[in-house]
Amino acid sequence: SLLVAVCEKKSILMFDPLCRRLVHAVDNAHRDCVNCA
């Protein structure tokens, strides 16, 4: 399993929910807000 979170600070975080550990982070992955208006 993999849990992916898109954050307001322009990053994408990928977590392993079984180990509760951050697997990978991508900074400056997007330019616009991620919340729906």
C-alpha atoms as a PDB file:
ATOM      1  CA  SER A   1       0.000   0.000   0.000  1.00  0.00           C
ATOM      2  CA  LEU A   2       1.003   3.594  -0.555  1.00  0.00           C
ATOM      3  CA  LEU A   3      -0.591   6.748   0.805  1.00  0.00           C
ATOM      4  CA  VAL A   4      -0.005   9.894  -1.272  1.00  0.00           C
ATOM      5  CA  ALA A   5      -0.638  13.398   0.071  1.00  0.00           C
ATOM      6  CA  VAL A   6      -0.564  16.586  -2.006  1.00  0.00           C
ATOM      7  CA  CYS A   7       0.252  19.515   0.275  1.00  0.00           C
ATOM      8  CA  GLU A   8      -0.359  23.262   0.104  1.00  0.00           C
ATOM      9  CA  LYS A   9       3.380  23.913   0.316  1.00  0.00           C
ATOM     10  CA  LYS A  10       3.821  22.599  -3.264  1.00  0.00           C
ATOM     11  CA  SER A  11       5.018  19.172  -2.243  1.00  0.00           C
ATOM     12  CA  ILE A  12       3.864  15.595  -2.685  1.00  0.00           C
ATOM     13  CA  LEU A  13       4.487  13.158   0.167  1.00  0.00           C
ATOM     14  CA  MET A  14       4.382   9.375  -0.162  1.00  0.00           C
ATOM     15  CA  PHE A  15       3.935   7.279   2.967  1.00  0.00           C
ATOM     16  CA  ASP A  16       4.015   3.572   3.722  1.00  0.00           C
ATOM     17  CA  PRO A  17       0.914   3.250   5.946  1.00  0.00           C
ATOM     18  CA  LEU A  18       1.974  -0.125   7.334  1.00  0.00           C
ATOM     19  CA  CYS A  19       5.360   1.109   8.600  1.00  0.00           C
ATOM     20  CA  ARG A  20       4.065   4.655   9.212  1.00  0.00           C
ATOM     21  CA  ARG A  21       7.122   6.023   7.447  1.00  0.00           C
ATOM     22  CA  LEU A  22       7.738   8.659   4.800  1.00  0.00           C
ATOM     23  CA  VAL A  23       8.910   6.867   1.655  1.00  0.00           C
ATOM     24  CA  HIS A  24       9.473   9.788  -0.721  1.00  0.00           C
ATOM     25  CA  ALA A  25       8.895  13.538  -0.927  1.00  0.00           C
ATOM     26  CA  VAL A  26       8.783  15.710  -4.048  1.00  0.00           C
ATOM     27  CA  ASP A  27       9.259  19.458  -3.482  1.00  0.00           C
ATOM     28  CA  ASN A  28       7.841  22.071  -5.894  1.00  0.00           C
ATOM     29  CA  ALA A  29       5.683  19.402  -7.511  1.00  0.00           C
ATOM     30  CA  HIS A  30       2.804  21.718  -8.431  1.00  0.00           C
ATOM     31  CA  ARG A  31       2.189  25.426  -8.989  1.00  0.00           C
ATOM     32  CA  ASP A  32      -1.469  25.931  -8.123  1.00  0.00           C
ATOM     33  CA  CYS A  33      -3.489  25.256  -4.983  1.00  0.00           C
ATOM     34  CA  VAL A  34      -4.646  21.696  -4.407  1.00  0.00           C
ATOM     35  CA  ASN A  35      -7.986  22.461  -2.722  1.00  0.00           C
ATOM     36  CA  CYS A  36     -11.158  22.721  -4.781  1.00  0.00           C
ATOM     37  CA  ALA A  37     -12.728  26.169  -4.924  1.00  0.00           C
END
